[in-house]
């Protein structure tokens, strides 16, 4: 995380300096910095004012983007680890399983397996996950054994939780392209 912040600050402070230096070279004799106390407030002109304006604009953009990731950081810490789940399909089939939620390289990754009638029947691996303060949305690849054949599918799941205590997470799932392959799921944190 520290290297990301250093990179952000380098871009935030040094990247706006490039047009300022170019403007300084182009307008050699016309360069000046002047502060004026006007009815609208203090007015700054010249390349340094451009630098200040670009740094300010960069800061505003950074704050908006960082709010997207920072708001989820407390929820992220809470969801990491091992989970057990119970899924019930629309036609009443119940499956249970285990999964692990990790965050290697800043990417939420979820891997798990599930059972039906105490027999392993498949596993799944997240392809994409998005976390907000009270919801985890996951697109995942599902591999399961159906009628003796291994079948691969894509599926979606949305889980809702209380921001103060993420366990349990409850939600809905659907397998894309398969009729009646949808239902509810409840995740409980292990340990």
N, C-alpha and C. Protein backbone atom coordinates (compact mmCIF):
# COMPACT_ATOMS: atom_id res chain seq x y z
N UNK A 1 0.83 -1.20 0.00
CA UNK A 1 0.00 0.00 0.00
C UNK A 1 0.87 1.25 0.00
N UNK A 2 2.02 1.20 0.68
CA UNK A 2 2.90 2.37 0.76
C UNK A 2 3.43 2.74 -0.62
N UNK A 3 3.82 1.75 -1.41
CA UNK A 3 4.34 2.04 -2.75
C UNK A 3 3.25 2.66 -3.63
N UNK A 4 2.00 2.25 -3.44
CA UNK A 4 0.91 2.85 -4.20
C UNK A 4 0.74 4.32 -3.82
N UNK A 5 0.83 4.62 -2.53
CA UNK A 5 0.69 6.00 -2.09
C UNK A 5 1.84 6.87 -2.61
N UNK A 6 3.05 6.34 -2.60
CA UNK A 6 4.20 7.09 -3.12
C UNK A 6 4.00 7.37 -4.60
N UNK A 7 3.55 6.38 -5.34
CA UNK A 7 3.29 6.56 -6.77
C UNK A 7 2.22 7.62 -6.99
N UNK A 8 1.16 7.56 -6.21
CA UNK A 8 0.08 8.55 -6.34
C UNK A 8 0.61 9.95 -6.07
N UNK A 9 1.40 10.11 -5.01
CA UNK A 9 1.93 11.44 -4.67
C UNK A 9 2.92 11.94 -5.72
N UNK A 10 3.70 11.03 -6.30
CA UNK A 10 4.61 11.45 -7.37
C UNK A 10 3.81 12.01 -8.54
N UNK A 11 2.78 11.28 -8.94
CA UNK A 11 1.94 11.76 -10.05
C UNK A 11 1.20 13.03 -9.66
N UNK A 12 0.74 13.09 -8.43
CA UNK A 12 -0.03 14.24 -7.98
C UNK A 12 0.81 15.52 -7.94
N UNK A 13 2.07 15.42 -7.55
CA UNK A 13 2.91 16.61 -7.41
C UNK A 13 3.82 16.87 -8.61
N UNK A 14 4.34 15.83 -9.22
CA UNK A 14 5.32 16.04 -10.29
C UNK A 14 4.69 16.13 -11.68
N UNK A 15 3.64 15.38 -11.93
CA UNK A 15 3.02 15.43 -13.25
C UNK A 15 2.49 16.82 -13.59
N UNK A 16 1.83 17.53 -12.67
CA UNK A 16 1.40 18.89 -13.00
C UNK A 16 2.57 19.86 -13.20
N UNK A 17 3.74 19.52 -12.70
CA UNK A 17 4.90 20.39 -12.86
C UNK A 17 5.38 20.43 -14.31
N UNK A 18 5.14 19.38 -15.06
CA UNK A 18 5.59 19.31 -16.45
C UNK A 18 5.00 20.44 -17.31
N UNK A 19 3.67 20.66 -17.34
CA UNK A 19 3.17 21.78 -18.14
C UNK A 19 3.64 23.14 -17.63
N UNK A 20 3.88 23.26 -16.33
CA UNK A 20 4.36 24.52 -15.77
C UNK A 20 5.75 24.83 -16.31
N UNK A 21 6.63 23.84 -16.34
CA UNK A 21 7.98 24.04 -16.86
C UNK A 21 7.91 24.38 -18.35
N UNK A 22 7.07 23.68 -19.09
CA UNK A 22 6.91 23.97 -20.53
C UNK A 22 6.42 25.39 -20.73
N UNK A 23 5.42 25.82 -19.96
CA UNK A 23 4.92 27.19 -20.05
C UNK A 23 6.01 28.20 -19.70
N UNK A 24 6.82 27.88 -18.71
CA UNK A 24 7.90 28.78 -18.29
C UNK A 24 8.91 28.96 -19.43
N UNK A 25 9.25 27.88 -20.10
CA UNK A 25 10.22 27.94 -21.20
C UNK A 25 9.62 28.70 -22.38
N UNK A 26 8.37 28.44 -22.72
CA UNK A 26 7.73 29.08 -23.88
C UNK A 26 7.57 30.59 -23.66
N UNK A 27 7.13 31.00 -22.50
CA UNK A 27 6.85 32.41 -22.23
C UNK A 27 7.95 33.03 -21.38
N UNK A 28 9.18 32.80 -21.75
CA UNK A 28 10.37 33.19 -21.00
C UNK A 28 10.28 34.56 -20.33
N UNK A 29 10.12 35.63 -21.06
CA UNK A 29 10.13 36.97 -20.50
C UNK A 29 8.79 37.35 -19.86
N UNK A 30 7.74 36.65 -20.21
CA UNK A 30 6.42 37.01 -19.70
C UNK A 30 6.08 36.30 -18.40
N UNK A 31 7.01 35.54 -17.84
CA UNK A 31 6.72 34.80 -16.62
C UNK A 31 6.72 35.71 -15.41
N UNK A 32 5.70 35.58 -14.63
CA UNK A 32 5.62 36.32 -13.38
C UNK A 32 4.63 35.62 -12.47
N UNK A 33 4.70 35.97 -11.22
CA UNK A 33 3.73 35.48 -10.26
C UNK A 33 3.21 36.69 -9.51
N UNK A 34 1.92 36.83 -9.46
CA UNK A 34 1.35 38.01 -8.85
C UNK A 34 0.13 37.60 -8.04
N UNK A 35 0.06 38.07 -6.83
CA UNK A 35 -1.12 37.87 -6.00
C UNK A 35 -1.85 39.20 -5.91
N UNK A 36 -3.12 39.17 -6.19
CA UNK A 36 -3.92 40.39 -6.11
C UNK A 36 -5.07 40.15 -5.14
N UNK A 37 -5.29 41.13 -4.29
CA UNK A 37 -6.42 41.06 -3.38
C UNK A 37 -7.59 41.74 -4.09
N UNK A 38 -8.51 40.93 -4.57
CA UNK A 38 -9.65 41.46 -5.31
C UNK A 38 -10.92 41.24 -4.52
N UNK A 39 -12.01 41.75 -5.05
CA UNK A 39 -13.30 41.55 -4.40
C UNK A 39 -13.68 40.07 -4.37
N UNK A 40 -13.17 39.31 -5.33
CA UNK A 40 -13.45 37.87 -5.38
C UNK A 40 -12.50 37.07 -4.50
N UNK A 41 -11.51 37.69 -3.94
CA UNK A 41 -10.53 36.99 -3.13
C UNK A 41 -9.15 37.16 -3.73
N UNK A 42 -8.21 36.35 -3.33
CA UNK A 42 -6.85 36.44 -3.83
C UNK A 42 -6.78 35.78 -5.20
N UNK A 43 -6.11 36.46 -6.13
CA UNK A 43 -5.99 35.99 -7.50
C UNK A 43 -4.52 35.74 -7.79
N UNK A 44 -4.18 34.54 -8.24
CA UNK A 44 -2.80 34.21 -8.59
C UNK A 44 -2.73 33.98 -10.09
N UNK A 45 -1.65 34.48 -10.71
CA UNK A 45 -1.47 34.31 -12.15
C UNK A 45 -0.08 33.78 -12.42
N UNK A 46 0.16 33.31 -13.63
CA UNK A 46 1.47 32.82 -14.03
C UNK A 46 1.56 31.31 -13.93
N UNK A 47 2.73 30.76 -14.33
CA UNK A 47 2.90 29.31 -14.34
C UNK A 47 2.77 28.66 -12.97
N UNK A 48 3.20 29.36 -11.92
CA UNK A 48 3.07 28.78 -10.59
C UNK A 48 1.61 28.64 -10.20
N UNK A 49 0.79 29.58 -10.65
CA UNK A 49 -0.65 29.47 -10.39
C UNK A 49 -1.21 28.25 -11.13
N UNK A 50 -0.71 28.01 -12.34
CA UNK A 50 -1.14 26.82 -13.08
C UNK A 50 -0.75 25.56 -12.33
N UNK A 51 0.45 25.55 -11.76
CA UNK A 51 0.90 24.40 -10.98
C UNK A 51 0.00 24.17 -9.77
N UNK A 52 -0.27 25.24 -9.04
CA UNK A 52 -1.13 25.14 -7.86
C UNK A 52 -2.52 24.64 -8.27
N UNK A 53 -3.05 25.17 -9.37
CA UNK A 53 -4.38 24.75 -9.83
C UNK A 53 -4.38 23.28 -10.23
N UNK A 54 -3.33 22.83 -10.92
CA UNK A 54 -3.27 21.43 -11.34
C UNK A 54 -3.09 20.49 -10.14
N UNK A 55 -2.28 20.89 -9.16
CA UNK A 55 -2.14 20.08 -7.95
C UNK A 55 -3.47 20.00 -7.21
N UNK A 56 -4.17 21.13 -7.11
CA UNK A 56 -5.48 21.14 -6.45
C UNK A 56 -6.45 20.22 -7.19
N UNK A 57 -6.48 20.31 -8.52
CA UNK A 57 -7.37 19.46 -9.32
C UNK A 57 -7.00 17.98 -9.14
N UNK A 58 -5.71 17.68 -9.13
CA UNK A 58 -5.26 16.31 -8.88
C UNK A 58 -5.69 15.81 -7.52
N UNK A 59 -5.61 16.66 -6.51
CA UNK A 59 -6.03 16.29 -5.16
C UNK A 59 -7.53 15.99 -5.12
N UNK A 60 -8.33 16.82 -5.77
CA UNK A 60 -9.78 16.60 -5.81
C UNK A 60 -10.09 15.25 -6.47
N UNK A 61 -9.45 14.97 -7.59
CA UNK A 61 -9.68 13.70 -8.28
C UNK A 61 -9.21 12.54 -7.40
N UNK A 62 -8.05 12.66 -6.78
CA UNK A 62 -7.53 11.61 -5.90
C UNK A 62 -8.50 11.32 -4.76
N UNK A 63 -9.04 12.35 -4.14
CA UNK A 63 -9.97 12.15 -3.02
C UNK A 63 -11.22 11.40 -3.47
N UNK A 64 -11.74 11.76 -4.65
CA UNK A 64 -12.93 11.07 -5.14
C UNK A 64 -12.64 9.61 -5.43
N UNK A 65 -11.51 9.33 -6.05
CA UNK A 65 -11.16 7.95 -6.36
C UNK A 65 -10.83 7.17 -5.09
N UNK A 66 -10.10 7.78 -4.17
CA UNK A 66 -9.72 7.06 -2.95
C UNK A 66 -10.92 6.78 -2.07
N UNK A 67 -11.95 7.60 -2.12
CA UNK A 67 -13.15 7.32 -1.34
C UNK A 67 -13.79 6.01 -1.75
N UNK A 68 -13.66 5.65 -3.01
CA UNK A 68 -14.22 4.38 -3.48
C UNK A 68 -13.53 3.22 -2.79
N UNK A 69 -12.20 3.27 -2.67
CA UNK A 69 -11.47 2.16 -2.07
C UNK A 69 -11.40 2.26 -0.56
N UNK A 70 -11.26 3.45 -0.02
CA UNK A 70 -11.10 3.61 1.42
C UNK A 70 -12.38 3.23 2.16
N UNK A 71 -13.55 3.56 1.61
CA UNK A 71 -14.79 3.24 2.31
C UNK A 71 -14.95 1.75 2.51
N UNK A 72 -14.37 0.95 1.63
CA UNK A 72 -14.52 -0.49 1.74
C UNK A 72 -13.40 -1.15 2.55
N UNK A 73 -12.39 -0.39 2.97
CA UNK A 73 -11.25 -1.01 3.62
C UNK A 73 -11.61 -1.67 4.95
N UNK A 74 -12.51 -1.07 5.74
CA UNK A 74 -12.89 -1.71 7.00
C UNK A 74 -13.70 -2.97 6.74
N UNK A 75 -14.58 -2.93 5.75
CA UNK A 75 -15.34 -4.13 5.39
C UNK A 75 -14.41 -5.20 4.84
N UNK A 76 -13.41 -4.79 4.06
CA UNK A 76 -12.47 -5.74 3.48
C UNK A 76 -11.74 -6.52 4.56
N UNK A 77 -11.25 -5.82 5.58
CA UNK A 77 -10.55 -6.50 6.66
C UNK A 77 -11.44 -7.53 7.34
N UNK A 78 -12.73 -7.21 7.45
CA UNK A 78 -13.65 -8.12 8.13
C UNK A 78 -14.02 -9.34 7.30
N UNK A 79 -14.06 -9.21 5.97
CA UNK A 79 -14.49 -10.36 5.17
C UNK A 79 -13.36 -11.33 4.85
N UNK A 80 -12.11 -10.92 5.01
CA UNK A 80 -10.99 -11.81 4.71
C UNK A 80 -10.99 -13.01 5.66
N UNK A 81 -10.70 -14.18 5.12
CA UNK A 81 -10.62 -15.38 5.94
C UNK A 81 -11.45 -16.52 5.39
N UNK A 82 -11.70 -17.50 6.25
CA UNK A 82 -12.44 -18.70 5.87
C UNK A 82 -13.92 -18.55 6.20
N UNK A 83 -14.76 -19.06 5.31
CA UNK A 83 -16.21 -18.97 5.47
C UNK A 83 -16.84 -20.32 5.15
N UNK A 84 -17.98 -20.59 5.76
CA UNK A 84 -18.81 -21.72 5.36
C UNK A 84 -20.11 -21.14 4.83
N UNK A 85 -20.75 -21.86 3.92
CA UNK A 85 -21.99 -21.34 3.35
C UNK A 85 -23.01 -22.44 3.16
N UNK A 86 -24.25 -22.03 3.10
CA UNK A 86 -25.39 -22.91 2.84
C UNK A 86 -26.20 -22.25 1.75
N UNK A 87 -26.35 -22.94 0.61
CA UNK A 87 -27.10 -22.42 -0.52
C UNK A 87 -28.32 -23.29 -0.77
N UNK A 88 -29.44 -22.65 -1.06
CA UNK A 88 -30.68 -23.37 -1.36
C UNK A 88 -31.18 -22.87 -2.71
N UNK A 89 -31.41 -23.80 -3.64
CA UNK A 89 -31.87 -23.42 -4.97
C UNK A 89 -33.38 -23.19 -4.96
N UNK A 90 -33.88 -22.62 -6.05
CA UNK A 90 -35.32 -22.34 -6.17
C UNK A 90 -36.15 -23.61 -6.12
N UNK A 91 -35.59 -24.75 -6.53
CA UNK A 91 -36.34 -26.00 -6.50
C UNK A 91 -36.03 -26.83 -5.26
N UNK A 92 -35.35 -26.25 -4.27
CA UNK A 92 -35.19 -26.88 -2.97
C UNK A 92 -33.92 -27.66 -2.73
N UNK A 93 -33.02 -27.73 -3.69
CA UNK A 93 -31.76 -28.44 -3.49
C UNK A 93 -30.88 -27.62 -2.55
N UNK A 94 -30.32 -28.29 -1.55
CA UNK A 94 -29.47 -27.61 -0.58
C UNK A 94 -28.03 -28.07 -0.75
N UNK A 95 -27.12 -27.11 -0.77
CA UNK A 95 -25.70 -27.41 -0.86
C UNK A 95 -24.96 -26.60 0.19
N UNK A 96 -23.94 -27.21 0.75
CA UNK A 96 -23.12 -26.50 1.73
C UNK A 96 -21.68 -26.52 1.23
N UNK A 97 -20.87 -25.66 1.78
CA UNK A 97 -19.48 -25.63 1.34
C UNK A 97 -18.62 -24.70 2.17
N UNK A 98 -17.40 -24.60 1.73
CA UNK A 98 -16.39 -23.76 2.38
C UNK A 98 -15.77 -22.86 1.32
N UNK A 99 -15.31 -21.71 1.74
CA UNK A 99 -14.57 -20.85 0.82
C UNK A 99 -13.57 -20.01 1.61
N UNK A 100 -12.65 -19.44 0.88
CA UNK A 100 -11.64 -18.58 1.46
C UNK A 100 -11.64 -17.26 0.69
N UNK A 101 -11.69 -16.16 1.43
CA UNK A 101 -11.65 -14.83 0.81
C UNK A 101 -10.28 -14.22 1.13
N UNK A 102 -9.54 -13.90 0.08
CA UNK A 102 -8.21 -13.32 0.23
C UNK A 102 -8.12 -12.03 -0.58
N UNK A 103 -7.01 -11.33 -0.42
CA UNK A 103 -6.82 -10.05 -1.11
C UNK A 103 -5.38 -9.92 -1.63
N UNK A 104 -4.91 -10.87 -2.46
CA UNK A 104 -3.53 -10.76 -2.95
C UNK A 104 -3.40 -9.63 -3.97
N UNK A 105 -2.45 -8.76 -3.76
CA UNK A 105 -2.22 -7.66 -4.70
C UNK A 105 -3.37 -6.68 -4.79
N UNK A 106 -4.19 -6.60 -3.75
CA UNK A 106 -5.30 -5.66 -3.74
C UNK A 106 -6.53 -6.11 -4.51
N UNK A 107 -6.56 -7.37 -4.94
CA UNK A 107 -7.71 -7.91 -5.68
C UNK A 107 -8.42 -8.93 -4.80
N UNK A 108 -9.71 -8.74 -4.60
CA UNK A 108 -10.48 -9.69 -3.79
C UNK A 108 -10.63 -10.98 -4.57
N UNK A 109 -10.20 -12.09 -3.95
CA UNK A 109 -10.27 -13.41 -4.58
C UNK A 109 -11.01 -14.36 -3.65
N UNK A 110 -11.95 -15.10 -4.22
CA UNK A 110 -12.75 -16.05 -3.44
C UNK A 110 -12.68 -17.40 -4.13
N UNK A 111 -12.27 -18.42 -3.38
CA UNK A 111 -12.19 -19.79 -3.89
C UNK A 111 -12.92 -20.70 -2.92
N UNK A 112 -13.67 -21.64 -3.46
CA UNK A 112 -14.39 -22.53 -2.57
C UNK A 112 -14.82 -23.82 -3.23
N UNK A 113 -15.38 -24.69 -2.42
CA UNK A 113 -15.92 -25.95 -2.90
C UNK A 113 -17.26 -26.16 -2.20
N UNK A 114 -18.08 -27.03 -2.78
CA UNK A 114 -19.38 -27.28 -2.17
C UNK A 114 -19.76 -28.75 -2.28
N UNK A 115 -20.70 -29.12 -1.42
CA UNK A 115 -21.12 -30.51 -1.30
C UNK A 115 -22.64 -30.59 -1.37
N UNK A 116 -23.10 -31.76 -1.80
CA UNK A 116 -24.53 -32.06 -1.79
C UNK A 116 -24.67 -33.46 -1.21
N UNK A 117 -25.52 -33.60 -0.20
CA UNK A 117 -25.68 -34.88 0.50
C UNK A 117 -24.34 -35.42 1.00
N UNK A 118 -23.53 -34.56 1.58
CA UNK A 118 -22.22 -34.89 2.13
C UNK A 118 -21.23 -35.44 1.10
N UNK A 119 -21.46 -35.19 -0.18
CA UNK A 119 -20.55 -35.61 -1.24
C UNK A 119 -20.04 -34.37 -1.98
N UNK A 120 -18.72 -34.28 -2.23
CA UNK A 120 -18.22 -33.13 -3.00
C UNK A 120 -18.79 -33.17 -4.42
N UNK A 121 -19.31 -32.03 -4.87
CA UNK A 121 -19.90 -31.97 -6.21
C UNK A 121 -19.33 -30.85 -7.07
N UNK A 122 -18.49 -30.00 -6.52
CA UNK A 122 -17.95 -28.94 -7.36
C UNK A 122 -17.11 -27.94 -6.61
N UNK A 123 -16.56 -27.02 -7.38
CA UNK A 123 -15.81 -25.92 -6.79
C UNK A 123 -16.04 -24.67 -7.63
N UNK A 124 -15.63 -23.56 -7.09
CA UNK A 124 -15.82 -22.28 -7.79
C UNK A 124 -14.69 -21.34 -7.44
N UNK A 125 -14.46 -20.42 -8.35
CA UNK A 125 -13.37 -19.45 -8.21
C UNK A 125 -13.86 -18.11 -8.74
N UNK A 126 -13.67 -17.07 -7.95
CA UNK A 126 -14.15 -15.75 -8.37
C UNK A 126 -13.37 -15.26 -9.59
N UNK A 127 -14.10 -14.63 -10.47
CA UNK A 127 -13.49 -13.99 -11.63
C UNK A 127 -13.37 -12.50 -11.37
N UNK A 128 -14.35 -11.97 -10.64
CA UNK A 128 -14.36 -10.55 -10.31
C UNK A 128 -15.19 -10.38 -9.04
N UNK A 129 -14.75 -9.51 -8.15
CA UNK A 129 -15.51 -9.22 -6.94
C UNK A 129 -15.45 -7.72 -6.67
N UNK A 130 -16.58 -7.18 -6.22
CA UNK A 130 -16.65 -5.76 -5.89
C UNK A 130 -17.26 -5.64 -4.50
N UNK A 131 -16.61 -4.84 -3.66
CA UNK A 131 -17.03 -4.68 -2.27
C UNK A 131 -17.41 -3.24 -2.00
N UNK A 132 -18.56 -3.06 -1.35
CA UNK A 132 -18.95 -1.74 -0.85
C UNK A 132 -19.08 -1.87 0.66
N UNK A 133 -19.60 -0.84 1.31
CA UNK A 133 -19.71 -0.87 2.77
C UNK A 133 -20.64 -1.96 3.29
N UNK A 134 -21.62 -2.39 2.50
CA UNK A 134 -22.57 -3.38 3.00
C UNK A 134 -22.93 -4.45 1.96
N UNK A 135 -22.15 -4.56 0.89
CA UNK A 135 -22.47 -5.54 -0.14
C UNK A 135 -21.20 -6.07 -0.80
N UNK A 136 -21.20 -7.36 -1.08
CA UNK A 136 -20.15 -8.01 -1.84
C UNK A 136 -20.80 -8.63 -3.07
N UNK A 137 -20.37 -8.21 -4.25
CA UNK A 137 -20.89 -8.75 -5.51
C UNK A 137 -19.78 -9.55 -6.17
N UNK A 138 -20.11 -10.77 -6.61
CA UNK A 138 -19.10 -11.67 -7.15
C UNK A 138 -19.57 -12.28 -8.47
N UNK A 139 -18.69 -12.28 -9.45
CA UNK A 139 -18.88 -13.05 -10.68
C UNK A 139 -17.89 -14.20 -10.56
N UNK A 140 -18.36 -15.43 -10.71
CA UNK A 140 -17.45 -16.56 -10.50
C UNK A 140 -17.63 -17.66 -11.54
N UNK A 141 -16.56 -18.44 -11.70
CA UNK A 141 -16.58 -19.62 -12.55
C UNK A 141 -16.91 -20.82 -11.68
N UNK A 142 -17.90 -21.57 -12.09
CA UNK A 142 -18.41 -22.70 -11.32
C UNK A 142 -18.10 -23.98 -12.09
N UNK A 143 -17.49 -24.94 -11.43
CA UNK A 143 -17.25 -26.25 -12.02
C UNK A 143 -17.92 -27.27 -11.12
N UNK A 144 -18.83 -28.07 -11.70
CA UNK A 144 -19.55 -29.05 -10.90
C UNK A 144 -19.78 -30.32 -11.71
N UNK A 145 -20.07 -31.39 -11.01
CA UNK A 145 -20.37 -32.66 -11.65
C UNK A 145 -21.89 -32.79 -11.71
N UNK A 146 -22.41 -32.92 -12.94
CA UNK A 146 -23.85 -33.09 -13.16
C UNK A 146 -24.05 -34.32 -14.04
N UNK A 147 -24.77 -35.29 -13.50
CA UNK A 147 -25.04 -36.54 -14.22
C UNK A 147 -23.75 -37.18 -14.73
N UNK A 148 -22.73 -37.20 -13.88
CA UNK A 148 -21.46 -37.84 -14.20
C UNK A 148 -20.55 -37.04 -15.10
N UNK A 149 -20.96 -35.86 -15.52
CA UNK A 149 -20.16 -35.01 -16.40
C UNK A 149 -19.72 -33.75 -15.67
N UNK A 150 -18.49 -33.33 -15.94
CA UNK A 150 -18.02 -32.06 -15.37
C UNK A 150 -18.55 -30.92 -16.24
N UNK A 151 -19.24 -29.98 -15.61
CA UNK A 151 -19.87 -28.86 -16.30
C UNK A 151 -19.29 -27.56 -15.76
N UNK A 152 -18.92 -26.65 -16.66
CA UNK A 152 -18.42 -25.33 -16.25
C UNK A 152 -19.45 -24.28 -16.60
N UNK A 153 -19.66 -23.34 -15.68
CA UNK A 153 -20.65 -22.28 -15.88
C UNK A 153 -20.13 -20.98 -15.27
N UNK A 154 -20.78 -19.90 -15.62
CA UNK A 154 -20.55 -18.60 -14.98
C UNK A 154 -21.73 -18.34 -14.07
N UNK A 155 -21.47 -17.70 -12.95
CA UNK A 155 -22.54 -17.41 -12.00
C UNK A 155 -22.30 -16.05 -11.35
N UNK A 156 -23.36 -15.51 -10.80
CA UNK A 156 -23.32 -14.22 -10.10
C UNK A 156 -23.88 -14.41 -8.71
N UNK A 157 -23.34 -13.65 -7.76
CA UNK A 157 -23.83 -13.71 -6.39
C UNK A 157 -23.71 -12.32 -5.77
N UNK A 158 -24.75 -11.89 -5.09
CA UNK A 158 -24.67 -10.65 -4.31
C UNK A 158 -24.95 -10.99 -2.86
N UNK A 159 -24.09 -10.52 -1.99
CA UNK A 159 -24.20 -10.78 -0.56
C UNK A 159 -24.32 -9.46 0.18
N UNK A 160 -25.24 -9.41 1.12
CA UNK A 160 -25.45 -8.21 1.93
C UNK A 160 -25.05 -8.52 3.37
N UNK A 161 -24.52 -7.50 4.04
CA UNK A 161 -24.09 -7.68 5.42
C UNK A 161 -24.20 -6.38 6.19
N UNK A 162 -24.17 -6.51 7.50
CA UNK A 162 -24.17 -5.35 8.40
C UNK A 162 -22.72 -4.86 8.49
N UNK A 163 -22.45 -3.57 8.21
CA UNK A 163 -21.07 -3.08 8.24
C UNK A 163 -20.36 -3.26 9.58
N UNK A 164 -21.11 -3.31 10.68
CA UNK A 164 -20.46 -3.49 11.99
C UNK A 164 -20.04 -4.93 12.23
N UNK A 165 -20.78 -5.87 11.65
CA UNK A 165 -20.47 -7.28 11.82
C UNK A 165 -20.84 -7.99 10.53
N UNK A 166 -19.83 -8.36 9.74
CA UNK A 166 -20.11 -8.89 8.40
C UNK A 166 -20.71 -10.29 8.41
N UNK A 167 -20.52 -11.03 9.49
CA UNK A 167 -21.06 -12.39 9.54
C UNK A 167 -22.39 -12.38 10.28
N UNK A 168 -23.44 -12.91 9.72
CA UNK A 168 -23.53 -13.62 8.45
C UNK A 168 -23.73 -12.67 7.27
N UNK A 169 -23.37 -13.16 6.08
CA UNK A 169 -23.68 -12.46 4.83
C UNK A 169 -24.77 -13.27 4.14
N UNK A 170 -25.82 -12.60 3.71
CA UNK A 170 -26.91 -13.30 3.04
C UNK A 170 -27.15 -12.68 1.67
N UNK A 171 -27.62 -13.49 0.76
CA UNK A 171 -27.88 -12.95 -0.57
C UNK A 171 -28.47 -13.95 -1.52
N UNK A 172 -28.32 -13.62 -2.80
CA UNK A 172 -28.88 -14.43 -3.88
C UNK A 172 -27.78 -14.79 -4.87
N UNK A 173 -27.99 -15.91 -5.55
CA UNK A 173 -27.07 -16.35 -6.59
C UNK A 173 -27.87 -16.79 -7.80
N UNK A 174 -27.23 -16.76 -8.97
CA UNK A 174 -27.84 -17.23 -10.20
C UNK A 174 -26.74 -17.74 -11.13
N UNK A 175 -27.01 -18.89 -11.75
CA UNK A 175 -26.09 -19.44 -12.75
C UNK A 175 -26.58 -18.94 -14.10
N UNK A 176 -25.70 -18.31 -14.85
CA UNK A 176 -26.06 -17.70 -16.12
C UNK A 176 -26.36 -18.77 -17.17
N UNK A 177 -27.51 -18.64 -17.84
CA UNK A 177 -27.86 -19.52 -18.94
C UNK A 177 -28.48 -20.84 -18.55
N UNK A 178 -28.81 -21.04 -17.29
CA UNK A 178 -29.43 -22.28 -16.87
C UNK A 178 -30.76 -21.98 -16.19
N UNK A 179 -31.85 -22.55 -16.71
CA UNK A 179 -33.17 -22.32 -16.12
C UNK A 179 -33.22 -22.88 -14.70
N UNK A 180 -33.91 -22.17 -13.83
CA UNK A 180 -34.12 -22.58 -12.44
C UNK A 180 -32.83 -22.81 -11.67
N UNK A 181 -31.74 -22.22 -12.10
CA UNK A 181 -30.48 -22.33 -11.36
C UNK A 181 -30.24 -21.01 -10.65
N UNK A 182 -31.01 -20.79 -9.61
CA UNK A 182 -30.87 -19.60 -8.80
C UNK A 182 -31.39 -19.92 -7.41
N UNK A 183 -31.05 -19.07 -6.46
CA UNK A 183 -31.51 -19.31 -5.10
C UNK A 183 -30.92 -18.34 -4.11
N UNK A 184 -30.92 -18.76 -2.86
CA UNK A 184 -30.41 -17.93 -1.77
C UNK A 184 -29.18 -18.59 -1.16
N UNK A 185 -28.39 -17.78 -0.48
CA UNK A 185 -27.19 -18.30 0.15
C UNK A 185 -26.92 -17.51 1.43
N UNK A 186 -26.38 -18.20 2.43
CA UNK A 186 -25.96 -17.57 3.68
C UNK A 186 -24.53 -17.99 3.98
N UNK A 187 -23.66 -17.00 4.17
CA UNK A 187 -22.26 -17.24 4.51
C UNK A 187 -22.06 -16.94 5.99
N UNK A 188 -21.32 -17.81 6.67
CA UNK A 188 -20.98 -17.61 8.08
C UNK A 188 -19.47 -17.72 8.21
N UNK A 189 -18.87 -16.75 8.88
CA UNK A 189 -17.41 -16.75 9.02
C UNK A 189 -16.99 -17.88 9.95
N UNK A 190 -15.98 -18.62 9.52
CA UNK A 190 -15.46 -19.73 10.32
C UNK A 190 -14.60 -19.19 11.45
N UNK A 191 -14.64 -19.86 12.55
CA UNK A 191 -13.78 -19.49 13.67
C UNK A 191 -14.40 -18.46 14.49
